[in-house]
Amino acid sequence: MSQVEAECQQVAEQAVRREEELSGRVSALEKGGRQADGQIKDLKETIFELEDQVEQQRAVHLHTNQTILDLENQLKKLEEQKAEVERQLKILSKQMKDETEEWRRFQADLQTAVVVANDIKVEAQQEIRSLRRRLGAGASFDTKTAVEGR
């Protein structure tokens, strides 16, 4: 029995060593598990923060896209207004050119009318002088005839 006891003792010692070895492994695995849990917790927090940042970036991106659309619409309206102003400017320029030409023709016609009126005035004055001379000569003849008794 002593051999059996010795073998039992040996098996018990091996069991104790094996238990210590396994206990060390369990402790190491538990420590690794706790570290893994800590890393998982840290990673979950990081994921949460990243998801929050993604949502913020989406909101910023959406706002930026809306701003771009608004600016594009404003640009389109301004281009339409510019085209309308250019069209009106072209119409007004043509109208001004036409009115300027009409004004020049009016001035030329007025100048011609002034010259013609002046010529008529000169002719009328000459005619009046001529009539006055004839009247003056006729009055003298009548006065002479009346004085002479005829």
C-alpha atoms as a PDB file:
ATOM      1  CA  MET A   1       0.000   0.000   0.000  1.00  0.00           C
ATOM      2  CA  SER A   2       2.759   2.186   0.426  1.00  0.00           C
ATOM      3  CA  GLN A   3       3.299   2.101  -3.223  1.00  0.00           C
ATOM      4  CA  VAL A   4      -0.355   2.943  -3.721  1.00  0.00           C
ATOM      5  CA  GLU A   5      -0.016   5.662  -1.175  1.00  0.00           C
ATOM      6  CA  ALA A   6       3.061   6.943  -2.927  1.00  0.00           C
ATOM      7  CA  GLU A   7       1.219   6.884  -6.229  1.00  0.00           C
ATOM      8  CA  CYS A   8      -1.733   8.570  -4.601  1.00  0.00           C
ATOM      9  CA  GLN A   9       0.609  11.128  -3.160  1.00  0.00           C
ATOM     10  CA  GLN A  10       2.154  11.624  -6.571  1.00  0.00           C
ATOM     11  CA  VAL A  11      -1.239  11.919  -8.232  1.00  0.00           C
ATOM     12  CA  ALA A  12      -2.340  14.351  -5.524  1.00  0.00           C
ATOM     13  CA  GLU A  13       0.788  16.434  -6.045  1.00  0.00           C
ATOM     14  CA  GLN A  14       0.238  16.387  -9.793  1.00  0.00           C
ATOM     15  CA  ALA A  15      -3.370  17.341  -9.218  1.00  0.00           C
ATOM     16  CA  VAL A  16      -2.288  20.240  -6.989  1.00  0.00           C
ATOM     17  CA  ARG A  17       0.248  21.400  -9.603  1.00  0.00           C
ATOM     18  CA  ARG A  18      -2.333  20.976 -12.341  1.00  0.00           C
ATOM     19  CA  GLU A  19      -4.874  22.868 -10.243  1.00  0.00           C
ATOM     20  CA  GLU A  20      -2.353  25.651  -9.600  1.00  0.00           C
ATOM     21  CA  GLU A  21      -1.483  25.720 -13.297  1.00  0.00           C
ATOM     22  CA  LEU A  22      -5.132  25.799 -14.302  1.00  0.00           C
ATOM     23  CA  SER A  23      -5.899  28.336 -11.586  1.00  0.00           C
ATOM     24  CA  GLY A  24      -3.103  30.548 -12.980  1.00  0.00           C
ATOM     25  CA  ARG A  25      -4.510  30.108 -16.455  1.00  0.00           C
ATOM     26  CA  VAL A  26      -8.010  30.940 -15.222  1.00  0.00           C
ATOM     27  CA  SER A  27      -6.652  34.023 -13.442  1.00  0.00           C
ATOM     28  CA  ALA A  28      -4.806  35.047 -16.601  1.00  0.00           C
ATOM     29  CA  LEU A  29      -7.909  34.411 -18.703  1.00  0.00           C
ATOM     30  CA  GLU A  30     -10.087  36.327 -16.234  1.00  0.00           C
ATOM     31  CA  LYS A  31      -7.603  39.197 -16.305  1.00  0.00           C
ATOM     32  CA  GLY A  32      -7.592  39.020 -20.126  1.00  0.00           C
ATOM     33  CA  GLY A  33     -11.404  38.928 -20.069  1.00  0.00           C
ATOM     34  CA  ARG A  34     -11.524  42.004 -17.852  1.00  0.00           C
ATOM     35  CA  GLN A  35      -9.084  43.752 -20.182  1.00  0.00           C
ATOM     36  CA  ALA A  36     -11.166  42.651 -23.168  1.00  0.00           C
ATOM     37  CA  ASP A  37     -14.314  43.917 -21.421  1.00  0.00           C
ATOM     38  CA  GLY A  38     -12.552  47.252 -20.798  1.00  0.00           C
ATOM     39  CA  GLN A  39     -11.464  47.404 -24.434  1.00  0.00           C
ATOM     40  CA  ILE A  40     -14.989  46.509 -25.564  1.00  0.00           C
ATOM     41  CA  LYS A  41     -16.388  49.259 -23.351  1.00  0.00           C
ATOM     42  CA  ASP A  42     -13.825  51.740 -24.735  1.00  0.00           C
ATOM     43  CA  LEU A  43     -14.581  50.637 -28.299  1.00  0.00           C
ATOM     44  CA  LYS A  44     -18.326  50.973 -27.705  1.00  0.00           C
ATOM     45  CA  GLU A  45     -17.773  54.517 -26.413  1.00  0.00           C
ATOM     46  CA  THR A  46     -15.588  55.265 -29.433  1.00  0.00           C
ATOM     47  CA  ILE A  47     -18.248  53.818 -31.748  1.00  0.00           C
ATOM     48  CA  PHE A  48     -20.910  55.929 -30.029  1.00  0.00           C
ATOM     49  CA  GLU A  49     -18.768  59.063 -30.392  1.00  0.00           C
ATOM     50  CA  LEU A  50     -18.042  58.241 -34.037  1.00  0.00           C
ATOM     51  CA  GLU A  51     -21.728  57.626 -34.745  1.00  0.00           C
ATOM     52  CA  ASP A  52     -22.511  60.976 -33.114  1.00  0.00           C
ATOM     53  CA  GLN A  53     -19.861  62.656 -35.263  1.00  0.00           C
ATOM     54  CA  VAL A  54     -21.287  60.929 -38.345  1.00  0.00           C
ATOM     55  CA  GLU A  55     -24.757  62.277 -37.510  1.00  0.00           C
ATOM     56  CA  GLN A  56     -23.329  65.752 -36.984  1.00  0.00           C
ATOM     57  CA  GLN A  57     -21.482  65.523 -40.305  1.00  0.00           C
ATOM     58  CA  ARG A  58     -24.660  64.346 -42.022  1.00  0.00           C
ATOM     59  CA  ALA A  59     -26.532  67.334 -40.593  1.00  0.00           C
ATOM     60  CA  VAL A  60     -23.739  69.677 -41.701  1.00  0.00           C
ATOM     61  CA  HIS A  61     -23.668  67.999 -45.123  1.00  0.00           C
ATOM     62  CA  LEU A  62     -27.450  68.294 -45.453  1.00  0.00           C
ATOM     63  CA  HIS A  63     -27.308  71.954 -44.431  1.00  0.00           C
ATOM     64  CA  THR A  64     -24.438  72.546 -46.863  1.00  0.00           C
ATOM     65  CA  ASN A  65     -26.378  70.870 -49.670  1.00  0.00           C
ATOM     66  CA  GLN A  66     -29.438  73.003 -48.879  1.00  0.00           C
ATOM     67  CA  THR A  67     -27.268  76.123 -48.832  1.00  0.00           C
ATOM     68  CA  ILE A  68     -25.800  75.133 -52.197  1.00  0.00           C
ATOM     69  CA  LEU A  69     -29.300  74.609 -53.630  1.00  0.00           C
ATOM     70  CA  ASP A  70     -30.434  77.969 -52.263  1.00  0.00           C
ATOM     71  CA  LEU A  71     -27.382  79.698 -53.733  1.00  0.00           C
ATOM     72  CA  GLU A  72     -27.897  77.974 -57.088  1.00  0.00           C
ATOM     73  CA  ASN A  73     -31.533  79.156 -57.104  1.00  0.00           C
ATOM     74  CA  GLN A  74     -30.454  82.693 -56.230  1.00  0.00           C
ATOM     75  CA  LEU A  75     -27.835  82.567 -58.981  1.00  0.00           C
ATOM     76  CA  LYS A  76     -30.447  81.416 -61.495  1.00  0.00           C
ATOM     77  CA  LYS A  77     -32.808  84.227 -60.470  1.00  0.00           C
ATOM     78  CA  LEU A  78     -29.998  86.786 -60.703  1.00  0.00           C
ATOM     79  CA  GLU A  79     -29.036  85.509 -64.150  1.00  0.00           C
ATOM     80  CA  GLU A  80     -32.679  85.824 -65.239  1.00  0.00           C
ATOM     81  CA  GLN A  81     -32.850  89.343 -63.792  1.00  0.00           C
ATOM     82  CA  LYS A  82     -29.603  90.237 -65.539  1.00  0.00           C
ATOM     83  CA  ALA A  83     -30.951  88.962 -68.853  1.00  0.00           C
ATOM     84  CA  GLU A  84     -34.149  90.996 -68.342  1.00  0.00           C
ATOM     85  CA  VAL A  85     -32.165  94.127 -67.459  1.00  0.00           C
ATOM     86  CA  GLU A  86     -29.946  93.621 -70.518  1.00  0.00           C
ATOM     87  CA  ARG A  87     -33.054  93.205 -72.693  1.00  0.00           C
ATOM     88  CA  GLN A  88     -34.594  96.380 -71.252  1.00  0.00           C
ATOM     89  CA  LEU A  89     -31.288  98.214 -71.687  1.00  0.00           C
ATOM     90  CA  LYS A  90     -31.192  97.167 -75.336  1.00  0.00           C
ATOM     91  CA  ILE A  91     -34.775  98.378 -75.841  1.00  0.00           C
ATOM     92  CA  LEU A  92     -34.061 101.680 -74.069  1.00  0.00           C
ATOM     93  CA  SER A  93     -30.829 102.169 -76.033  1.00  0.00           C
ATOM     94  CA  LYS A  94     -32.696 101.670 -79.308  1.00  0.00           C
ATOM     95  CA  GLN A  95     -35.484 103.975 -78.135  1.00  0.00           C
ATOM     96  CA  MET A  96     -32.931 106.619 -77.121  1.00  0.00           C
ATOM     97  CA  LYS A  97     -31.153 106.293 -80.469  1.00  0.00           C
ATOM     98  CA  ASP A  98     -34.477 106.642 -82.312  1.00  0.00           C
ATOM     99  CA  GLU A  99     -35.497 109.643 -80.208  1.00  0.00           C
ATOM    100  CA  THR A 100     -32.077 111.263 -80.707  1.00  0.00           C
ATOM    101  CA  GLU A 101     -32.392 110.798 -84.462  1.00  0.00           C
ATOM    102  CA  GLU A 102     -35.936 112.182 -84.364  1.00  0.00           C
ATOM    103  CA  TRP A 103     -34.686 115.166 -82.332  1.00  0.00           C
ATOM    104  CA  ARG A 104     -31.925 115.827 -84.908  1.00  0.00           C
ATOM    105  CA  ARG A 105     -34.471 115.680 -87.741  1.00  0.00           C
ATOM    106  CA  PHE A 106     -36.735 118.038 -85.784  1.00  0.00           C
ATOM    107  CA  GLN A 107     -33.839 120.463 -85.255  1.00  0.00           C
ATOM    108  CA  ALA A 108     -32.955 120.296 -88.964  1.00  0.00           C
ATOM    109  CA  ASP A 109     -36.611 120.844 -89.934  1.00  0.00           C
ATOM    110  CA  LEU A 110     -36.853 123.710 -87.442  1.00  0.00           C
ATOM    111  CA  GLN A 111     -33.683 125.269 -88.839  1.00  0.00           C
ATOM    112  CA  THR A 112     -35.114 124.948 -92.349  1.00  0.00           C
ATOM    113  CA  ALA A 113     -38.398 126.508 -91.166  1.00  0.00           C
ATOM    114  CA  VAL A 114     -36.476 129.382 -89.552  1.00  0.00           C
ATOM    115  CA  VAL A 115     -34.516 129.988 -92.770  1.00  0.00           C
ATOM    116  CA  VAL A 116     -37.713 129.856 -94.875  1.00  0.00           C
ATOM    117  CA  ALA A 117     -39.517 132.162 -92.415  1.00  0.00           C
ATOM    118  CA  ASN A 118     -36.581 134.559 -92.502  1.00  0.00           C
ATOM    119  CA  ASP A 119     -36.603 134.510 -96.328  1.00  0.00           C
ATOM    120  CA  ILE A 120     -40.380 135.191 -96.303  1.00  0.00           C
ATOM    121  CA  LYS A 121     -39.825 138.016 -93.807  1.00  0.00           C
ATOM    122  CA  VAL A 122     -37.118 139.553 -95.987  1.00  0.00           C
ATOM    123  CA  GLU A 123     -39.327 139.244 -99.070  1.00  0.00           C
ATOM    124  CA  ALA A 124     -42.275 140.751 -97.174  1.00  0.00           C
ATOM    125  CA  GLN A 125     -40.130 143.623 -95.940  1.00  0.00           C
ATOM    126  CA  GLN A 126     -38.899 144.230 -99.473  1.00  0.00           C
ATOM    127  CA  GLU A 127     -42.477 144.116-100.747  1.00  0.00           C
ATOM    128  CA  ILE A 128     -43.580 146.560 -98.025  1.00  0.00           C
ATOM    129  CA  ARG A 129     -40.756 148.949 -98.939  1.00  0.00           C
ATOM    130  CA  SER A 130     -41.650 148.641-102.593  1.00  0.00           C
ATOM    131  CA  LEU A 131     -45.336 149.298-101.849  1.00  0.00           C
ATOM    132  CA  ARG A 132     -44.455 152.242 -99.638  1.00  0.00           C
ATOM    133  CA  ARG A 133     -42.320 153.708-102.422  1.00  0.00           C
ATOM    134  CA  ARG A 134     -45.102 153.263-104.914  1.00  0.00           C
ATOM    135  CA  LEU A 135     -47.617 154.643-102.458  1.00  0.00           C
ATOM    136  CA  GLY A 136     -45.251 157.446-101.623  1.00  0.00           C
ATOM    137  CA  ALA A 137     -44.746 158.206-105.320  1.00  0.00           C
ATOM    138  CA  GLY A 138     -48.486 157.960-105.988  1.00  0.00           C
ATOM    139  CA  ALA A 139     -49.305 160.260-103.068  1.00  0.00           C
ATOM    140  CA  SER A 140     -46.791 162.772-104.331  1.00  0.00           C
ATOM    141  CA  PHE A 141     -48.391 162.604-107.814  1.00  0.00           C
ATOM    142  CA  ASP A 142     -51.874 163.126-106.312  1.00  0.00           C
ATOM    143  CA  THR A 143     -50.626 166.014-104.201  1.00  0.00           C
ATOM    144  CA  LYS A 144     -48.897 167.609-107.217  1.00  0.00           C
ATOM    145  CA  THR A 145     -51.998 167.206-109.322  1.00  0.00           C
ATOM    146  CA  ALA A 146     -54.197 168.688-106.613  1.00  0.00           C
ATOM    147  CA  VAL A 147     -51.848 171.633-106.166  1.00  0.00           C
ATOM    148  CA  GLU A 148     -51.662 172.318-109.888  1.00  0.00           C
ATOM    149  CA  GLY A 149     -55.391 172.161-110.101  1.00  0.00           C
ATOM    150  CA  ARG A 150     -55.952 169.377-112.338  1.00  0.00           C
END
